[in-house]
């Protein structure tokens, strides 16, 4: 396979998914800032992972600044968000964060559940999460936002792995 796994992670969930993907697909896993034209030239595709904070992808600015370099490549995105991602907001996250030039019918985007462990959060992130819990009117959601949660599991990447393998088989034919 001629591809790379690029990711940006704040607390480790996205990094864990990136490492599993890289291992299973036998692809190098690198920081997006290390991507150079020589590495990019040797790639048929990129698997790009990022987490979401308050509706913004950690890679939002990087994607915008590098869209001209990425638009000729097959892209697979994995976006890591709350342990129980609310699918109703996925479309808005995509539209607000991924440049339109990169959103083609062939672009694969999957959302993966993440984690939060309160003692590991920055004071700001912990405060924001607590404020969201206080404002939540649904008792089940309020309870979920008020405690540690870890939904990062290797089985969540199966669909993405299948999509990459399928693409790779199509270009080898």
Protein backbone atom coordinates (compact mmCIF):
# COMPACT_ATOMS: atom_id res chain seq x y z
CA UNK A 1 0.00 0.00 0.00
CA UNK A 2 1.21 3.47 -0.82
CA UNK A 3 -0.30 5.64 1.84
CA UNK A 4 0.26 7.42 5.12
CA UNK A 5 -1.68 7.84 8.33
CA UNK A 6 -1.64 11.44 9.55
CA UNK A 7 -3.20 12.45 12.84
CA UNK A 8 -3.45 15.09 15.53
CA UNK A 9 -4.53 14.11 19.03
CA UNK A 10 -4.94 16.06 22.24
CA UNK A 11 -5.56 13.34 24.84
CA UNK A 12 -4.57 10.15 23.03
CA UNK A 13 -7.75 8.63 21.60
CA UNK A 14 -7.00 9.73 18.03
CA UNK A 15 -3.37 8.64 18.42
CA UNK A 16 -4.53 5.18 19.53
CA UNK A 17 -6.80 4.81 16.50
CA UNK A 18 -4.01 6.06 14.20
CA UNK A 19 -1.56 3.52 15.62
CA UNK A 20 -4.04 0.66 15.20
CA UNK A 21 -4.79 1.74 11.62
CA UNK A 22 -1.10 2.10 10.78
CA UNK A 23 -0.29 -1.31 12.23
CA UNK A 24 -3.19 -3.12 10.55
CA UNK A 25 -2.54 -1.52 7.14
CA UNK A 26 1.25 -1.54 7.52
CA UNK A 27 1.45 2.20 6.89
CA UNK A 28 3.70 4.85 8.43
CA UNK A 29 1.99 7.02 11.03
CA UNK A 30 3.22 10.62 11.12
CA UNK A 31 2.42 14.08 12.42
CA UNK A 32 0.80 16.12 9.61
CA UNK A 33 3.42 18.84 10.05
CA UNK A 34 6.05 16.31 8.95
CA UNK A 35 4.33 15.74 5.58
CA UNK A 36 6.58 16.98 2.79
CA UNK A 37 6.23 16.93 -0.96
CA UNK A 38 8.53 13.89 -1.32
CA UNK A 39 6.43 11.81 1.10
CA UNK A 40 3.23 13.02 -0.52
CA UNK A 41 4.42 12.18 -4.03
CA UNK A 42 4.81 8.53 -3.04
CA UNK A 43 1.25 8.23 -1.72
CA UNK A 44 -1.86 7.06 -3.49
CA UNK A 45 -3.96 7.93 -0.44
CA UNK A 46 -3.92 9.49 3.01
CA UNK A 47 -5.74 8.42 6.15
CA UNK A 48 -6.25 11.58 8.22
CA UNK A 49 -7.34 11.46 11.85
CA UNK A 50 -8.35 14.32 14.10
CA UNK A 51 -10.44 14.96 17.15
CA UNK A 52 -13.23 17.48 17.64
CA UNK A 53 -13.24 20.17 20.33
CA UNK A 54 -16.25 22.47 20.60
CA UNK A 55 -17.14 21.72 16.99
CA UNK A 56 -13.66 22.37 15.58
CA UNK A 57 -11.29 19.73 14.27
CA UNK A 58 -7.76 19.92 15.66
CA UNK A 59 -6.60 19.77 12.03
CA UNK A 60 -8.99 22.45 10.73
CA UNK A 61 -6.30 25.08 10.05
CA UNK A 62 -3.85 22.46 8.72
CA UNK A 63 -6.44 21.12 6.26
CA UNK A 64 -7.21 24.62 5.03
CA UNK A 65 -3.53 25.47 4.65
CA UNK A 66 -2.71 22.23 2.83
CA UNK A 67 -5.82 21.67 0.72
CA UNK A 68 -3.89 22.43 -2.49
CA UNK A 69 -1.49 19.58 -1.62
CA UNK A 70 -4.24 17.13 -0.70
CA UNK A 71 -6.86 17.64 -3.41
CA UNK A 72 -5.24 15.18 -5.85
CA UNK A 73 -5.10 12.34 -3.31
CA UNK A 74 -7.69 9.84 -2.19
CA UNK A 75 -8.59 10.84 1.37
CA UNK A 76 -9.95 8.82 4.24
CA UNK A 77 -10.89 10.81 7.35
CA UNK A 78 -11.52 9.50 10.82
CA UNK A 79 -12.94 12.02 13.22
CA UNK A 80 -12.87 11.23 16.92
CA UNK A 81 -15.49 12.80 19.13
CA UNK A 82 -17.42 12.20 22.31
CA UNK A 83 -17.74 8.63 23.53
CA UNK A 84 -21.31 8.56 22.23
CA UNK A 85 -21.14 10.65 19.06
CA UNK A 86 -24.37 12.42 18.20
CA UNK A 87 -24.69 11.66 14.49
CA UNK A 88 -27.06 14.58 13.98
CA UNK A 89 -24.13 17.01 14.18
CA UNK A 90 -21.71 15.13 11.93
CA UNK A 91 -22.68 16.91 8.72
CA UNK A 92 -22.20 20.32 10.31
CA UNK A 93 -18.78 19.33 11.69
CA UNK A 94 -17.72 18.21 8.21
CA UNK A 95 -18.99 21.34 6.48
CA UNK A 96 -17.47 23.69 9.09
CA UNK A 97 -14.04 22.07 9.15
CA UNK A 98 -13.08 20.28 5.94
CA UNK A 99 -12.47 22.54 2.92
CA UNK A 100 -15.00 21.93 0.16
CA UNK A 101 -12.23 21.12 -2.32
CA UNK A 102 -11.47 18.01 -0.25
CA UNK A 103 -15.08 16.88 0.01
CA UNK A 104 -15.57 14.78 -3.07
CA UNK A 105 -17.94 11.85 -3.56
CA UNK A 106 -14.91 9.57 -3.18
CA UNK A 107 -13.89 11.04 0.19
CA UNK A 108 -14.51 8.58 3.01
CA UNK A 109 -15.33 10.06 6.42
CA UNK A 110 -16.03 8.03 9.55
CA UNK A 111 -16.74 9.22 13.06
CA UNK A 112 -15.22 7.19 15.88
CA UNK A 113 -16.11 7.36 19.56
CA UNK A 114 -13.51 8.89 21.86
CA UNK A 115 -12.87 9.30 25.55
CA UNK A 116 -12.57 11.78 28.33
CA UNK A 117 -10.93 11.18 31.66
CA UNK A 118 -11.51 14.22 33.86
CA UNK A 119 -8.16 14.07 35.67
CA UNK A 120 -6.38 14.15 32.28
CA UNK A 121 -8.29 17.13 30.86
CA UNK A 122 -6.88 20.62 30.83
CA UNK A 123 -8.63 22.94 33.31
CA UNK A 124 -10.37 24.69 30.41
CA UNK A 125 -11.58 21.45 28.78
CA UNK A 126 -12.75 20.08 32.14
CA UNK A 127 -14.67 23.28 32.87
CA UNK A 128 -16.33 23.27 29.43
CA UNK A 129 -17.42 19.65 29.86
CA UNK A 130 -18.81 20.36 33.32
CA UNK A 131 -20.70 23.39 31.96
CA UNK A 132 -22.18 21.24 29.19
CA UNK A 133 -23.30 18.71 31.82
CA UNK A 134 -24.93 21.44 33.91
CA UNK A 135 -26.78 22.82 30.89
CA UNK A 136 -27.99 19.41 29.70
CA UNK A 137 -31.68 18.76 30.34
CA UNK A 138 -31.71 15.05 29.43
CA UNK A 139 -30.84 13.17 32.66
CA UNK A 140 -29.04 10.34 30.82
CA UNK A 141 -26.89 12.77 28.81
CA UNK A 142 -26.23 14.84 31.93
CA UNK A 143 -25.02 11.73 33.77
CA UNK A 144 -22.84 10.67 30.82
CA UNK A 145 -21.20 14.11 30.64
CA UNK A 146 -20.50 14.11 34.38
CA UNK A 147 -18.28 11.03 34.53
CA UNK A 148 -15.23 9.56 32.86
CA UNK A 149 -15.95 7.74 29.63
CA UNK A 150 -13.79 5.66 27.33
CA UNK A 151 -15.29 4.17 24.16
CA UNK A 152 -12.02 3.79 22.23
CA UNK A 153 -11.99 0.23 20.90
CA UNK A 154 -10.09 -1.32 18.04
CA UNK A 155 -13.23 -2.84 16.53
CA UNK A 156 -14.46 0.67 15.63
CA UNK A 157 -11.87 0.96 12.85
CA UNK A 158 -13.04 -2.12 10.92
CA UNK A 159 -15.14 -0.18 8.39
CA UNK A 160 -12.33 2.27 7.68
CA UNK A 161 -9.82 -0.57 7.24
CA UNK A 162 -12.19 -2.26 4.78
CA UNK A 163 -12.61 0.96 2.79
CA UNK A 164 -8.85 1.51 2.53
CA UNK A 165 -8.22 -2.10 1.53
CA UNK A 166 -10.96 -1.94 -1.07
CA UNK A 167 -9.50 1.25 -2.55
CA UNK A 168 -6.02 -0.27 -2.58
CA UNK A 169 -7.28 -3.37 -4.42
CA UNK A 170 -8.99 -1.18 -7.03
CA UNK A 171 -5.78 0.71 -7.87
CA UNK A 172 -3.70 -2.50 -8.02
CA UNK A 173 -5.93 -3.93 -10.76
